[in-house]
PDB file of all heavy atoms in Angstrom:
ATOM      1  N   ALA A   1     -32.933-147.844  35.453  1.00  0.00           N
ATOM      2  CA  ALA A   1     -33.994-148.730  35.942  1.00  0.00           C
ATOM      3  C   ALA A   1     -34.635-148.164  37.212  1.00  0.00           C
ATOM      4  O   ALA A   1     -35.856-148.232  37.386  1.00  0.00           O
ATOM      5  CB  ALA A   1     -33.428-150.123  36.201  1.00  0.00           C
ATOM      6  N   ALA A   2     -33.827-147.594  38.104  1.00  0.00           N
ATOM      7  CA  ALA A   2     -34.363-147.028  39.340  1.00  0.00           C
ATOM      8  C   ALA A   2     -35.194-145.782  39.067  1.00  0.00           C
ATOM      9  O   ALA A   2     -36.114-145.461  39.817  1.00  0.00           O
ATOM     10  CB  ALA A   2     -33.234-146.698  40.300  1.00  0.00           C
ATOM     11  N   ALA A   3     -34.910-145.094  37.980  1.00  0.00           N
ATOM     12  CA  ALA A   3     -35.625-143.859  37.661  1.00  0.00           C
ATOM     13  C   ALA A   3     -36.894-144.111  36.848  1.00  0.00           C
ATOM     14  O   ALA A   3     -37.651-143.163  36.596  1.00  0.00           O
ATOM     15  CB  ALA A   3     -34.710-142.917  36.894  1.00  0.00           C
ATOM     16  N   GLN A   4     -37.134-145.336  36.458  1.00  0.00           N
ATOM     17  CA  GLN A   4     -38.331-145.656  35.671  1.00  0.00           C
ATOM     18  C   GLN A   4     -39.565-145.664  36.555  1.00  0.00           C
ATOM     19  O   GLN A   4     -39.481-145.934  37.753  1.00  0.00           O
ATOM     20  CB  GLN A   4     -38.176-147.013  34.987  1.00  0.00           C
ATOM     21  CG  GLN A   4     -37.051-147.049  33.983  1.00  0.00           C
ATOM     22  CD  GLN A   4     -37.228-146.006  32.898  1.00  0.00           C
ATOM     23  OE1 GLN A   4     -38.291-145.872  32.321  1.00  0.00           O
ATOM     24  NE2 GLN A   4     -36.164-145.259  32.641  1.00  0.00           N
ATOM     25  N   PRO A   5     -40.745-145.412  35.981  1.00  0.00           N
ATOM     26  CA  PRO A   5     -41.973-145.459  36.780  1.00  0.00           C
ATOM     27  C   PRO A   5     -42.313-146.902  37.135  1.00  0.00           C
ATOM     28  O   PRO A   5     -41.942-147.836  36.419  1.00  0.00           O
ATOM     29  CB  PRO A   5     -43.025-144.853  35.860  1.00  0.00           C
ATOM     30  CG  PRO A   5     -42.475-144.963  34.492  1.00  0.00           C
ATOM     31  CD  PRO A   5     -40.997-144.968  34.616  1.00  0.00           C
ATOM     32  N   PRO A   6     -43.018-147.092  38.246  1.00  0.00           N
ATOM     33  CA  PRO A   6     -43.423-148.446  38.611  1.00  0.00           C
ATOM     34  C   PRO A   6     -44.437-148.992  37.607  1.00  0.00           C
ATOM     35  O   PRO A   6     -45.201-148.242  37.009  1.00  0.00           O
ATOM     36  CB  PRO A   6     -44.049-148.282  39.999  1.00  0.00           C
ATOM     37  CG  PRO A   6     -44.325-146.841  40.152  1.00  0.00           C
ATOM     38  CD  PRO A   6     -43.434-146.099  39.217  1.00  0.00           C
ATOM     39  N   THR A   7     -44.407-150.283  37.424  1.00  0.00           N
ATOM     40  CA  THR A   7     -45.346-150.902  36.490  1.00  0.00           C
ATOM     41  C   THR A   7     -46.625-151.283  37.215  1.00  0.00           C
ATOM     42  O   THR A   7     -46.624-151.538  38.421  1.00  0.00           O
ATOM     43  CB  THR A   7     -44.723-152.154  35.847  1.00  0.00           C
ATOM     44  OG1 THR A   7     -44.339-153.056  36.886  1.00  0.00           O
ATOM     45  CG2 THR A   7     -43.508-151.781  35.026  1.00  0.00           C
ATOM     46  N   ASP A   8     -47.709-151.311  36.490  1.00  0.00           N
ATOM     47  CA  ASP A   8     -49.022-151.728  37.002  1.00  0.00           C
ATOM     48  C   ASP A   8     -49.537-150.877  38.151  1.00  0.00           C
ATOM     49  O   ASP A   8     -50.288-151.354  39.001  1.00  0.00           O
ATOM     50  CB  ASP A   8     -48.996-153.199  37.434  1.00  0.00           C
ATOM     51  CG  ASP A   8     -48.583-154.118  36.304  1.00  0.00           C
ATOM     52  OD1 ASP A   8     -48.881-153.781  35.136  1.00  0.00           O
ATOM     53  OD2 ASP A   8     -47.963-155.159  36.579  1.00  0.00           O
ATOM     54  N   VAL A   9     -49.135-149.624  38.214  1.00  0.00           N
ATOM     55  CA  VAL A   9     -49.647-148.708  39.225  1.00  0.00           C
ATOM     56  C   VAL A   9     -50.282-147.551  38.457  1.00  0.00           C
ATOM     57  O   VAL A   9     -49.584-146.782  37.804  1.00  0.00           O
ATOM     58  CB  VAL A   9     -48.528-148.196  40.159  1.00  0.00           C
ATOM     59  CG1 VAL A   9     -49.095-147.215  41.175  1.00  0.00           C
ATOM     60  CG2 VAL A   9     -47.835-149.345  40.850  1.00  0.00           C
ATOM     61  N   PRO A  10     -51.607-147.426  38.521  1.00  0.00           N
ATOM     62  CA  PRO A  10     -52.267-146.373  37.745  1.00  0.00           C
ATOM     63  C   PRO A  10     -51.868-144.973  38.227  1.00  0.00           C
ATOM     64  O   PRO A  10     -51.721-144.735  39.422  1.00  0.00           O
ATOM     65  CB  PRO A  10     -53.755-146.626  37.981  1.00  0.00           C
ATOM     66  CG  PRO A  10     -53.846-147.560  39.132  1.00  0.00           C
ATOM     67  CD  PRO A  10     -52.545-148.238  39.285  1.00  0.00           C
ATOM     68  N   GLY A  11     -51.667-144.078  37.272  1.00  0.00           N
ATOM     69  CA  GLY A  11     -51.355-142.684  37.588  1.00  0.00           C
ATOM     70  C   GLY A  11     -49.923-142.452  38.009  1.00  0.00           C
ATOM     71  O   GLY A  11     -49.603-141.384  38.520  1.00  0.00           O
ATOM     72  N   SER A  12     -49.046-143.422  37.817  1.00  0.00           N
ATOM     73  CA  SER A  12     -47.671-143.243  38.272  1.00  0.00           C
ATOM     74  C   SER A  12     -46.702-143.074  37.108  1.00  0.00           C
ATOM     75  O   SER A  12     -45.512-143.277  37.268  1.00  0.00           O
ATOM     76  CB  SER A  12     -47.242-144.434  39.117  1.00  0.00           C
ATOM     77  OG  SER A  12     -47.215-145.603  38.316  1.00  0.00           O
ATOM     78  N   ASP A  13     -47.236-142.671  35.964  1.00  0.00           N
ATOM     79  CA  ASP A  13     -46.367-142.552  34.793  1.00  0.00           C
ATOM     80  C   ASP A  13     -45.341-141.437  34.924  1.00  0.00           C
ATOM     81  O   ASP A  13     -44.345-141.424  34.227  1.00  0.00           O
ATOM     82  CB  ASP A  13     -47.196-142.371  33.523  1.00  0.00           C
ATOM     83  CG  ASP A  13     -48.105-141.158  33.593  1.00  0.00           C
ATOM     84  OD1 ASP A  13     -48.439-140.736  34.716  1.00  0.00           O
ATOM     85  OD2 ASP A  13     -48.478-140.647  32.529  1.00  0.00           O
ATOM     86  N   LYS A  14     -45.556-140.491  35.816  1.00  0.00           N
ATOM     87  CA  LYS A  14     -44.598-139.401  36.022  1.00  0.00           C
ATOM     88  C   LYS A  14     -43.720-139.633  37.252  1.00  0.00           C
ATOM     89  O   LYS A  14     -42.892-138.812  37.586  1.00  0.00           O
ATOM     90  CB  LYS A  14     -45.321-138.062  36.184  1.00  0.00           C
ATOM     91  CG  LYS A  14     -46.165-137.677  35.008  1.00  0.00           C
ATOM     92  CD  LYS A  14     -45.296-137.162  33.901  1.00  0.00           C
ATOM     93  CE  LYS A  14     -46.196-136.647  32.791  1.00  0.00           C
ATOM     94  NZ  LYS A  14     -45.538-136.494  31.550  1.00  0.00           N
ATOM     95  N   LYS A  15     -43.931-140.723  37.949  1.00  0.00           N
ATOM     96  CA  LYS A  15     -43.172-141.016  39.165  1.00  0.00           C
ATOM     97  C   LYS A  15     -42.056-141.998  38.844  1.00  0.00           C
ATOM     98  O   LYS A  15     -42.076-142.671  37.829  1.00  0.00           O
ATOM     99  CB  LYS A  15     -44.085-141.629  40.238  1.00  0.00           C
ATOM    100  CG  LYS A  15     -45.266-140.787  40.609  1.00  0.00           C
ATOM    101  CD  LYS A  15     -44.836-139.596  41.394  1.00  0.00           C
ATOM    102  CE  LYS A  15     -46.060-138.767  41.812  1.00  0.00           C
ATOM    103  NZ  LYS A  15     -45.716-137.592  42.508  1.00  0.00           N
ATOM    104  N   SER A  16     -41.090-142.099  39.729  1.00  0.00           N
ATOM    105  CA  SER A  16     -40.030-143.080  39.540  1.00  0.00           C
ATOM    106  C   SER A  16     -39.984-144.004  40.744  1.00  0.00           C
ATOM    107  O   SER A  16     -40.486-143.682  41.816  1.00  0.00           O
ATOM    108  CB  SER A  16     -38.682-142.388  39.352  1.00  0.00           C
ATOM    109  OG  SER A  16     -38.338-141.637  40.487  1.00  0.00           O
ATOM    110  N   LEU A  17     -39.373-145.167  40.537  1.00  0.00           N
ATOM    111  CA  LEU A  17     -39.265-146.123  41.636  1.00  0.00           C
ATOM    112  C   LEU A  17     -38.456-145.532  42.788  1.00  0.00           C
ATOM    113  O   LEU A  17     -38.806-145.697  43.952  1.00  0.00           O
ATOM    114  CB  LEU A  17     -38.599-147.409  41.145  1.00  0.00           C
ATOM    115  CG  LEU A  17     -39.426-148.261  40.191  1.00  0.00           C
ATOM    116  CD1 LEU A  17     -38.572-149.348  39.579  1.00  0.00           C
ATOM    117  CD2 LEU A  17     -40.614-148.857  40.922  1.00  0.00           C
ATOM    118  N   VAL A  18     -37.372-144.866  42.466  1.00  0.00           N
ATOM    119  CA  VAL A  18     -36.507-144.230  43.464  1.00  0.00           C
ATOM    120  C   VAL A  18     -36.359-142.770  43.060  1.00  0.00           C
ATOM    121  O   VAL A  18     -36.108-142.476  41.901  1.00  0.00           O
ATOM    122  CB  VAL A  18     -35.126-144.928  43.504  1.00  0.00           C
ATOM    123  CG1 VAL A  18     -34.244-144.312  44.562  1.00  0.00           C
ATOM    124  CG2 VAL A  18     -35.262-146.424  43.719  1.00  0.00           C
ATOM    125  N   THR A  19     -36.524-141.875  44.020  1.00  0.00           N
ATOM    126  CA  THR A  19     -36.413-140.456  43.683  1.00  0.00           C
ATOM    127  C   THR A  19     -34.987-140.129  43.269  1.00  0.00           C
ATOM    128  O   THR A  19     -34.041-140.823  43.643  1.00  0.00           O
ATOM    129  CB  THR A  19     -36.794-139.555  44.876  1.00  0.00           C
ATOM    130  OG1 THR A  19     -35.833-139.755  45.920  1.00  0.00           O
ATOM    131  CG2 THR A  19     -38.190-139.855  45.367  1.00  0.00           C
ATOM    132  N   ARG A  20     -34.840-139.072  42.486  1.00  0.00           N
ATOM    133  CA  ARG A  20     -33.504-138.671  42.029  1.00  0.00           C
ATOM    134  C   ARG A  20     -32.605-138.340  43.221  1.00  0.00           C
ATOM    135  O   ARG A  20     -31.429-138.681  43.229  1.00  0.00           O
ATOM    136  CB  ARG A  20     -33.578-137.452  41.103  1.00  0.00           C
ATOM    137  CG  ARG A  20     -34.468-137.593  39.885  1.00  0.00           C
ATOM    138  CD  ARG A  20     -33.946-138.614  38.911  1.00  0.00           C
ATOM    139  NE  ARG A  20     -34.545-138.500  37.601  1.00  0.00           N
ATOM    140  CZ  ARG A  20     -35.627-139.150  37.204  1.00  0.00           C
ATOM    141  NH1 ARG A  20     -36.252-139.945  38.036  1.00  0.00           N
ATOM    142  NH2 ARG A  20     -36.078-139.012  35.968  1.00  0.00           N
ATOM    143  N   ALA A  21     -33.169-137.690  44.234  1.00  0.00           N
ATOM    144  CA  ALA A  21     -32.380-137.344  45.418  1.00  0.00           C
ATOM    145  C   ALA A  21     -31.903-138.597  46.143  1.00  0.00           C
ATOM    146  O   ALA A  21     -30.757-138.653  46.621  1.00  0.00           O
ATOM    147  CB  ALA A  21     -33.201-136.472  46.362  1.00  0.00           C
ATOM    148  N   ASP A  22     -32.755-139.622  46.225  1.00  0.00           N
ATOM    149  CA  ASP A  22     -32.339-140.875  46.852  1.00  0.00           C
ATOM    150  C   ASP A  22     -31.271-141.584  46.022  1.00  0.00           C
ATOM    151  O   ASP A  22     -30.349-142.192  46.571  1.00  0.00           O
ATOM    152  CB  ASP A  22     -33.534-141.801  47.063  1.00  0.00           C
ATOM    153  CG  ASP A  22     -34.454-141.328  48.184  1.00  0.00           C
ATOM    154  OD1 ASP A  22     -34.010-140.492  49.003  1.00  0.00           O
ATOM    155  OD2 ASP A  22     -35.605-141.791  48.242  1.00  0.00           O
ATOM    156  N   ILE A  23     -31.383-141.508  44.698  1.00  0.00           N
ATOM    157  CA  ILE A  23     -30.355-142.102  43.836  1.00  0.00           C
ATOM    158  C   ILE A  23     -29.013-141.422  44.108  1.00  0.00           C
ATOM    159  O   ILE A  23     -27.984-142.093  44.269  1.00  0.00           O
ATOM    160  CB  ILE A  23     -30.740-141.964  42.344  1.00  0.00           C
ATOM    161  CG1 ILE A  23     -31.953-142.832  42.026  1.00  0.00           C
ATOM    162  CG2 ILE A  23     -29.567-142.330  41.454  1.00  0.00           C
ATOM    163  CD1 ILE A  23     -32.524-142.628  40.634  1.00  0.00           C
ATOM    164  N   VAL A  24     -29.019-140.094  44.201  1.00  0.00           N
ATOM    165  CA  VAL A  24     -27.786-139.354  44.485  1.00  0.00           C
ATOM    166  C   VAL A  24     -27.217-139.769  45.829  1.00  0.00           C
ATOM    167  O   VAL A  24     -26.007-140.006  45.962  1.00  0.00           O
ATOM    168  CB  VAL A  24     -28.048-137.829  44.444  1.00  0.00           C
ATOM    169  CG1 VAL A  24     -26.862-137.051  44.979  1.00  0.00           C
ATOM    170  CG2 VAL A  24     -28.375-137.394  43.032  1.00  0.00           C
ATOM    171  N   GLN A  25     -28.055-139.892  46.843  1.00  0.00           N
ATOM    172  CA  GLN A  25     -27.587-140.269  48.181  1.00  0.00           C
ATOM    173  C   GLN A  25     -27.030-141.689  48.187  1.00  0.00           C
ATOM    174  O   GLN A  25     -25.996-141.953  48.803  1.00  0.00           O
ATOM    175  CB  GLN A  25     -28.716-140.136  49.205  1.00  0.00           C
ATOM    176  CG  GLN A  25     -28.234-140.292  50.632  1.00  0.00           C
ATOM    177  CD  GLN A  25     -27.170-139.272  51.002  1.00  0.00           C
ATOM    178  OE1 GLN A  25     -27.300-138.089  50.727  1.00  0.00           O
ATOM    179  NE2 GLN A  25     -26.093-139.732  51.617  1.00  0.00           N
ATOM    180  N   ILE A  26     -27.680-142.610  47.505  1.00  0.00           N
ATOM    181  CA  ILE A  26     -27.188-143.992  47.423  1.00  0.00           C
ATOM    182  C   ILE A  26     -25.815-144.020  46.755  1.00  0.00           C
ATOM    183  O   ILE A  26     -24.905-144.731  47.204  1.00  0.00           O
ATOM    184  CB  ILE A  26     -28.200-144.884  46.664  1.00  0.00           C
ATOM    185  CG1 ILE A  26     -29.454-145.070  47.511  1.00  0.00           C
ATOM    186  CG2 ILE A  26     -27.587-146.223  46.280  1.00  0.00           C
ATOM    187  CD1 ILE A  26     -30.629-145.665  46.765  1.00  0.00           C
ATOM    188  N   LEU A  27     -25.646-143.246  45.692  1.00  0.00           N
ATOM    189  CA  LEU A  27     -24.361-143.205  44.998  1.00  0.00           C
ATOM    190  C   LEU A  27     -23.281-142.572  45.872  1.00  0.00           C
ATOM    191  O   LEU A  27     -22.128-143.025  45.865  1.00  0.00           O
ATOM    192  CB  LEU A  27     -24.497-142.451  43.680  1.00  0.00           C
ATOM    193  CG  LEU A  27     -25.381-143.132  42.634  1.00  0.00           C
ATOM    194  CD1 LEU A  27     -25.580-142.222  41.437  1.00  0.00           C
ATOM    195  CD2 LEU A  27     -24.798-144.460  42.212  1.00  0.00           C
ATOM    196  N   LYS A  28     -23.633-141.549  46.651  1.00  0.00           N
ATOM    197  CA  LYS A  28     -22.659-140.944  47.562  1.00  0.00           C
ATOM    198  C   LYS A  28     -22.244-141.927  48.648  1.00  0.00           C
ATOM    199  O   LYS A  28     -21.078-142.003  49.019  1.00  0.00           O
ATOM    200  CB  LYS A  28     -23.237-139.689  48.210  1.00  0.00           C
ATOM    201  CG  LYS A  28     -23.207-138.486  47.321  1.00  0.00           C
ATOM    202  CD  LYS A  28     -23.706-137.257  48.050  1.00  0.00           C
ATOM    203  CE  LYS A  28     -23.689-136.064  47.127  1.00  0.00           C
ATOM    204  NZ  LYS A  28     -24.169-134.853  47.781  1.00  0.00           N
ATOM    205  N   ASP A  29     -23.212-142.684  49.165  1.00  0.00           N
ATOM    206  CA  ASP A  29     -22.909-143.659  50.206  1.00  0.00           C
ATOM    207  C   ASP A  29     -22.030-144.792  49.673  1.00  0.00           C
ATOM    208  O   ASP A  29     -21.197-145.327  50.399  1.00  0.00           O
ATOM    209  CB  ASP A  29     -24.200-144.241  50.791  1.00  0.00           C
ATOM    210  CG  ASP A  29     -25.002-143.200  51.564  1.00  0.00           C
ATOM    211  OD1 ASP A  29     -24.430-142.144  51.922  1.00  0.00           O
ATOM    212  OD2 ASP A  29     -26.200-143.435  51.797  1.00  0.00           O
ATOM    213  N   ALA A  30     -22.215-145.165  48.416  1.00  0.00           N
ATOM    214  CA  ALA A  30     -21.442-146.253  47.830  1.00  0.00           C
ATOM    215  C   ALA A  30     -20.032-145.831  47.440  1.00  0.00           C
ATOM    216  O   ALA A  30     -19.132-146.668  47.372  1.00  0.00           O
ATOM    217  CB  ALA A  30     -22.167-146.802  46.605  1.00  0.00           C
ATOM    218  N   ASP A  31     -19.820-144.548  47.201  1.00  0.00           N
ATOM    219  CA  ASP A  31     -18.511-144.057  46.781  1.00  0.00           C
ATOM    220  C   ASP A  31     -17.581-143.971  47.986  1.00  0.00           C
ATOM    221  O   ASP A  31     -17.907-143.327  48.977  1.00  0.00           O
ATOM    222  CB  ASP A  31     -18.660-142.676  46.131  1.00  0.00           C
ATOM    223  CG  ASP A  31     -17.367-142.133  45.567  1.00  0.00           C
ATOM    224  OD1 ASP A  31     -16.350-142.857  45.593  1.00  0.00           O
ATOM    225  OD2 ASP A  31     -17.370-140.988  45.085  1.00  0.00           O
ATOM    226  N   PRO A  32     -16.401-144.617  47.920  1.00  0.00           N
ATOM    227  CA  PRO A  32     -15.474-144.549  49.060  1.00  0.00           C
ATOM    228  C   PRO A  32     -15.036-143.120  49.385  1.00  0.00           C
ATOM    229  O   PRO A  32     -14.761-142.811  50.541  1.00  0.00           O
ATOM    230  CB  PRO A  32     -14.267-145.381  48.603  1.00  0.00           C
ATOM    231  CG  PRO A  32     -14.754-146.246  47.509  1.00  0.00           C
ATOM    232  CD  PRO A  32     -15.895-145.511  46.872  1.00  0.00           C
ATOM    233  N   GLU A  33     -14.977-142.260  48.375  1.00  0.00           N
ATOM    234  CA  GLU A  33     -14.598-140.866  48.621  1.00  0.00           C
ATOM    235  C   GLU A  33     -15.788-140.015  49.042  1.00  0.00           C
ATOM    236  O   GLU A  33     -15.627-138.864  49.425  1.00  0.00           O
ATOM    237  CB  GLU A  33     -13.964-140.275  47.367  1.00  0.00           C
ATOM    238  CG  GLU A  33     -12.648-140.925  47.004  1.00  0.00           C
ATOM    239  CD  GLU A  33     -12.058-140.368  45.738  1.00  0.00           C
ATOM    240  OE1 GLU A  33     -12.640-139.427  45.151  1.00  0.00           O
ATOM    241  OE2 GLU A  33     -11.014-140.886  45.328  1.00  0.00           O
ATOM    242  N   GLY A  34     -16.993-140.555  48.943  1.00  0.00           N
ATOM    243  CA  GLY A  34     -18.187-139.837  49.363  1.00  0.00           C
ATOM    244  C   GLY A  34     -18.710-138.830  48.365  1.00  0.00           C
ATOM    245  O   GLY A  34     -19.563-138.022  48.697  1.00  0.00           O
ATOM    246  N   ASN A  35     -18.202-138.859  47.129  1.00  0.00           N
ATOM    247  CA  ASN A  35     -18.640-137.885  46.130  1.00  0.00           C
ATOM    248  C   ASN A  35     -19.870-138.360  45.368  1.00  0.00           C
ATOM    249  O   ASN A  35     -20.815-137.617  45.194  1.00  0.00           O
ATOM    250  CB  ASN A  35     -17.520-137.581  45.129  1.00  0.00           C
ATOM    251  CG  ASN A  35     -16.335-136.948  45.798  1.00  0.00           C
ATOM    252  OD1 ASN A  35     -16.472-136.272  46.799  1.00  0.00           O
ATOM    253  ND2 ASN A  35     -15.160-137.193  45.278  1.00  0.00           N
ATOM    254  N   GLY A  36     -19.856-139.577  44.884  1.00  0.00           N
ATOM    255  CA  GLY A  36     -20.970-140.084  44.096  1.00  0.00           C
ATOM    256  C   GLY A  36     -21.150-139.279  42.832  1.00  0.00           C
ATOM    257  O   GLY A  36     -20.197-138.746  42.268  1.00  0.00           O
ATOM    258  N   LEU A  37     -22.375-139.208  42.362  1.00  0.00           N
ATOM    259  CA  LEU A  37     -22.718-138.401  41.201  1.00  0.00           C
ATOM    260  C   LEU A  37     -23.635-137.275  41.658  1.00  0.00           C
ATOM    261  O   LEU A  37     -24.405-137.441  42.592  1.00  0.00           O
ATOM    262  CB  LEU A  37     -23.440-139.237  40.140  1.00  0.00           C
ATOM    263  CG  LEU A  37     -22.622-140.290  39.412  1.00  0.00           C
ATOM    264  CD1 LEU A  37     -23.510-141.069  38.452  1.00  0.00           C
ATOM    265  CD2 LEU A  37     -21.475-139.673  38.661  1.00  0.00           C
ATOM    266  N   SER A  38     -23.563-136.161  40.972  1.00  0.00           N
ATOM    267  CA  SER A  38     -24.440-135.044  41.299  1.00  0.00           C
ATOM    268  C   SER A  38     -25.841-135.318  40.740  1.00  0.00           C
ATOM    269  O   SER A  38     -26.029-136.202  39.895  1.00  0.00           O
ATOM    270  CB  SER A  38     -23.894-133.744  40.704  1.00  0.00           C
ATOM    271  OG  SER A  38     -23.945-133.816  39.295  1.00  0.00           O
ATOM    272  N   LEU A  39     -26.793-134.545  41.189  1.00  0.00           N
ATOM    273  CA  LEU A  39     -28.157-134.670  40.678  1.00  0.00           C
ATOM    274  C   LEU A  39     -28.180-134.410  39.181  1.00  0.00           C
ATOM    275  O   LEU A  39     -28.851-135.117  38.427  1.00  0.00           O
ATOM    276  CB  LEU A  39     -29.086-133.686  41.403  1.00  0.00           C
ATOM    277  CG  LEU A  39     -30.536-133.659  40.921  1.00  0.00           C
ATOM    278  CD1 LEU A  39     -31.186-135.021  41.107  1.00  0.00           C
ATOM    279  CD2 LEU A  39     -31.304-132.588  41.654  1.00  0.00           C
ATOM    280  N   ARG A  40     -27.423-133.439  38.747  1.00  0.00           N
ATOM    281  CA  ARG A  40     -27.360-133.119  37.318  1.00  0.00           C
ATOM    282  C   ARG A  40     -26.806-134.300  36.517  1.00  0.00           C
ATOM    283  O   ARG A  40     -27.288-134.589  35.429  1.00  0.00           O
ATOM    284  CB  ARG A  40     -26.487-131.873  37.116  1.00  0.00           C
ATOM    285  CG  ARG A  40     -26.286-131.495  35.682  1.00  0.00           C
ATOM    286  CD  ARG A  40     -27.567-130.929  35.087  1.00  0.00           C
ATOM    287  NE  ARG A  40     -27.329-130.600  33.708  1.00  0.00           N
ATOM    288  CZ  ARG A  40     -27.973-131.167  32.687  1.00  0.00           C
ATOM    289  NH1 ARG A  40     -28.900-132.058  32.910  1.00  0.00           N
ATOM    290  NH2 ARG A  40     -27.709-130.831  31.461  1.00  0.00           N
TER     291      ARG A  40
END
């Protein structure tokens, strides 16, 4: 859901609500061990 493009915004079909790098950082911050998931 975070990687989906925003709705009702013209020209944003290739963009996502949250960048992949930010998703990775959020997952690292949430993980108690600090690993999270990799970008891949």
